[in-house]
Amino acid sequence: MDGRARTFHGRLVGAQNFTDAKWRANVTDVEMSDAIKKGPKAMPAFGKKLSQAEIDALVAYVRSFKQE
């Protein structure tokens, strides 16, 4: 809910902490968009389920989490 992946399921699947300053600085919006489309690691792919506009909105949402 806060982007930190500090939930049981988040820990179980190794979810990314979206507030981590180092990660935020090193990942581009294009990389995030590609990850949403293709689904890295345990994350399912959403490229066929979401429009490009929805993916762009999701990238903006991830960027909106406050940095630690």
N, C-alpha and C. Protein backbone atom coordinates (compact mmCIF):
# COMPACT_ATOMS: atom_id res chain seq x y z
N MET A 1 0.81 -1.19 0.00
CA MET A 1 0.00 0.00 0.00
C MET A 1 0.87 1.27 0.00
N ASP A 2 2.03 1.21 0.67
CA ASP A 2 2.91 2.38 0.72
C ASP A 2 4.09 2.26 -0.24
N GLY A 3 4.12 1.20 -1.04
CA GLY A 3 5.18 1.02 -2.02
C GLY A 3 6.44 0.38 -1.50
N ARG A 4 6.45 0.00 -0.24
CA ARG A 4 7.67 -0.54 0.36
C ARG A 4 7.78 -2.05 0.29
N ALA A 5 6.71 -2.73 -0.11
CA ALA A 5 6.70 -4.20 -0.23
C ALA A 5 6.97 -4.90 1.09
N ARG A 6 6.57 -4.28 2.18
CA ARG A 6 6.79 -4.87 3.51
C ARG A 6 5.54 -5.62 3.97
N THR A 7 5.09 -6.51 3.14
CA THR A 7 3.96 -7.38 3.47
C THR A 7 4.44 -8.81 3.38
N PHE A 8 3.64 -9.72 3.88
CA PHE A 8 4.02 -11.14 3.80
C PHE A 8 4.21 -11.54 2.34
N HIS A 9 3.24 -11.22 1.50
CA HIS A 9 3.33 -11.61 0.09
C HIS A 9 4.48 -10.89 -0.61
N GLY A 10 4.68 -9.61 -0.28
CA GLY A 10 5.78 -8.86 -0.88
C GLY A 10 7.13 -9.49 -0.58
N ARG A 11 7.30 -9.89 0.66
CA ARG A 11 8.55 -10.56 1.05
C ARG A 11 8.67 -11.94 0.40
N LEU A 12 7.54 -12.63 0.31
CA LEU A 12 7.53 -13.97 -0.26
C LEU A 12 8.00 -13.98 -1.71
N VAL A 13 7.58 -12.99 -2.49
CA VAL A 13 7.93 -12.96 -3.91
C VAL A 13 9.11 -12.04 -4.21
N GLY A 14 9.68 -11.40 -3.19
CA GLY A 14 10.82 -10.52 -3.41
C GLY A 14 10.44 -9.24 -4.13
N ALA A 15 9.29 -8.68 -3.78
CA ALA A 15 8.81 -7.47 -4.44
C ALA A 15 9.75 -6.29 -4.21
N GLN A 16 9.79 -5.41 -5.19
CA GLN A 16 10.66 -4.23 -5.15
C GLN A 16 10.11 -3.17 -4.21
N ASN A 17 10.99 -2.56 -3.41
CA ASN A 17 10.63 -1.41 -2.59
C ASN A 17 10.67 -0.17 -3.49
N PHE A 18 9.50 0.35 -3.84
CA PHE A 18 9.42 1.48 -4.76
C PHE A 18 9.85 2.81 -4.14
N THR A 19 10.13 2.82 -2.84
CA THR A 19 10.58 4.06 -2.20
C THR A 19 12.09 4.13 -2.06
N ASP A 20 12.78 3.07 -2.42
CA ASP A 20 14.24 3.01 -2.30
C ASP A 20 14.90 4.01 -3.25
N ALA A 21 15.61 4.96 -2.71
CA ALA A 21 16.21 6.04 -3.50
C ALA A 21 17.19 5.51 -4.56
N LYS A 22 17.98 4.53 -4.21
CA LYS A 22 18.96 3.98 -5.16
C LYS A 22 18.24 3.33 -6.34
N TRP A 23 17.22 2.52 -6.06
CA TRP A 23 16.47 1.88 -7.13
C TRP A 23 15.78 2.92 -8.02
N ARG A 24 15.16 3.92 -7.38
CA ARG A 24 14.45 4.97 -8.13
C ARG A 24 15.40 5.72 -9.07
N ALA A 25 16.62 5.94 -8.62
CA ALA A 25 17.59 6.67 -9.44
C ALA A 25 18.12 5.82 -10.60
N ASN A 26 18.11 4.51 -10.42
CA ASN A 26 18.73 3.63 -11.42
C ASN A 26 17.76 3.00 -12.41
N VAL A 27 16.46 3.15 -12.19
CA VAL A 27 15.50 2.55 -13.12
C VAL A 27 14.79 3.67 -13.90
N THR A 28 14.69 3.48 -15.18
CA THR A 28 14.02 4.47 -16.03
C THR A 28 12.54 4.12 -16.16
N ASP A 29 11.78 5.09 -16.63
CA ASP A 29 10.36 4.84 -16.88
C ASP A 29 10.17 3.78 -17.95
N VAL A 30 11.05 3.76 -18.94
CA VAL A 30 10.97 2.74 -20.00
C VAL A 30 11.22 1.35 -19.42
N GLU A 31 12.19 1.23 -18.52
CA GLU A 31 12.47 -0.06 -17.89
C GLU A 31 11.27 -0.52 -17.05
N MET A 32 10.67 0.42 -16.33
CA MET A 32 9.49 0.08 -15.54
C MET A 32 8.35 -0.37 -16.43
N SER A 33 8.14 0.35 -17.51
CA SER A 33 7.09 0.02 -18.47
C SER A 33 7.33 -1.38 -19.05
N ASP A 34 8.55 -1.68 -19.42
CA ASP A 34 8.89 -3.00 -19.95
C ASP A 34 8.65 -4.09 -18.91
N ALA A 35 8.98 -3.81 -17.65
CA ALA A 35 8.76 -4.78 -16.58
C ALA A 35 7.27 -5.07 -16.41
N ILE A 36 6.45 -4.05 -16.49
CA ILE A 36 5.00 -4.24 -16.38
C ILE A 36 4.49 -5.07 -17.55
N LYS A 37 4.99 -4.78 -18.73
CA LYS A 37 4.55 -5.52 -19.92
C LYS A 37 5.00 -6.98 -19.90
N LYS A 38 6.25 -7.23 -19.52
CA LYS A 38 6.84 -8.57 -19.65
C LYS A 38 6.83 -9.40 -18.37
N GLY A 39 6.76 -8.73 -17.21
CA GLY A 39 6.69 -9.45 -15.95
C GLY A 39 7.98 -10.10 -15.51
N PRO A 40 8.88 -9.37 -14.86
CA PRO A 40 10.13 -9.98 -14.38
C PRO A 40 9.90 -10.86 -13.14
N LYS A 41 10.73 -11.84 -12.98
CA LYS A 41 10.73 -12.74 -11.81
C LYS A 41 9.33 -13.32 -11.57
N ALA A 42 8.79 -13.12 -10.36
CA ALA A 42 7.49 -13.69 -9.99
C ALA A 42 6.31 -12.85 -10.46
N MET A 43 6.58 -11.67 -10.97
CA MET A 43 5.49 -10.78 -11.40
C MET A 43 4.92 -11.24 -12.74
N PRO A 44 3.59 -11.33 -12.84
CA PRO A 44 3.00 -11.71 -14.13
C PRO A 44 3.13 -10.58 -15.15
N ALA A 45 3.07 -10.93 -16.41
CA ALA A 45 3.11 -9.95 -17.49
C ALA A 45 1.73 -9.32 -17.66
N PHE A 46 1.70 -8.01 -17.90
CA PHE A 46 0.44 -7.30 -18.09
C PHE A 46 0.36 -6.62 -19.45
N GLY A 47 1.28 -6.93 -20.35
CA GLY A 47 1.33 -6.30 -21.65
C GLY A 47 0.09 -6.52 -22.50
N LYS A 48 -0.57 -7.65 -22.31
CA LYS A 48 -1.77 -7.95 -23.09
C LYS A 48 -3.06 -7.58 -22.34
N LYS A 49 -2.91 -7.19 -21.08
CA LYS A 49 -4.07 -6.88 -20.26
C LYS A 49 -4.29 -5.38 -20.07
N LEU A 50 -3.21 -4.60 -20.19
CA LEU A 50 -3.29 -3.16 -19.97
C LEU A 50 -2.94 -2.41 -21.25
N SER A 51 -3.60 -1.28 -21.44
CA SER A 51 -3.25 -0.42 -22.58
C SER A 51 -1.96 0.33 -22.24
N GLN A 52 -1.35 0.93 -23.26
CA GLN A 52 -0.13 1.71 -23.01
C GLN A 52 -0.43 2.87 -22.07
N ALA A 53 -1.61 3.48 -22.21
CA ALA A 53 -1.99 4.59 -21.32
C ALA A 53 -2.10 4.11 -19.87
N GLU A 54 -2.64 2.91 -19.66
CA GLU A 54 -2.74 2.37 -18.31
C GLU A 54 -1.36 2.04 -17.75
N ILE A 55 -0.47 1.52 -18.58
CA ILE A 55 0.89 1.22 -18.15
C ILE A 55 1.62 2.52 -17.78
N ASP A 56 1.47 3.55 -18.60
CA ASP A 56 2.09 4.85 -18.31
C ASP A 56 1.56 5.42 -17.00
N ALA A 57 0.27 5.26 -16.75
CA ALA A 57 -0.33 5.74 -15.49
C ALA A 57 0.22 4.96 -14.31
N LEU A 58 0.44 3.66 -14.49
CA LEU A 58 1.01 2.84 -13.43
C LEU A 58 2.45 3.23 -13.12
N VAL A 59 3.23 3.52 -14.14
CA VAL A 59 4.60 4.00 -13.95
C VAL A 59 4.58 5.31 -13.16
N ALA A 60 3.69 6.22 -13.51
CA ALA A 60 3.57 7.49 -12.78
C ALA A 60 3.16 7.25 -11.34
N TYR A 61 2.28 6.28 -11.12
CA TYR A 61 1.86 5.94 -9.76
C TYR A 61 3.04 5.42 -8.94
N VAL A 62 3.83 4.53 -9.52
CA VAL A 62 5.00 4.00 -8.82
C VAL A 62 5.96 5.14 -8.48
N ARG A 63 6.13 6.07 -9.40
CA ARG A 63 7.01 7.22 -9.15
C ARG A 63 6.47 8.14 -8.06
N SER A 64 5.16 8.07 -7.78
CA SER A 64 4.56 8.96 -6.79
C SER A 64 4.84 8.57 -5.35
N PHE A 65 5.32 7.35 -5.11
CA PHE A 65 5.63 6.94 -3.74
C PHE A 65 6.79 7.78 -3.22
N LYS A 66 6.69 8.17 -1.96
CA LYS A 66 7.72 9.00 -1.35
C LYS A 66 9.00 8.20 -1.12
N GLN A 67 10.12 8.86 -1.38
CA GLN A 67 11.42 8.20 -1.17
C GLN A 67 11.71 8.07 0.30
N GLU A 68 12.42 7.00 0.64
CA GLU A 68 12.85 6.79 2.04
C GLU A 68 13.99 7.72 2.37
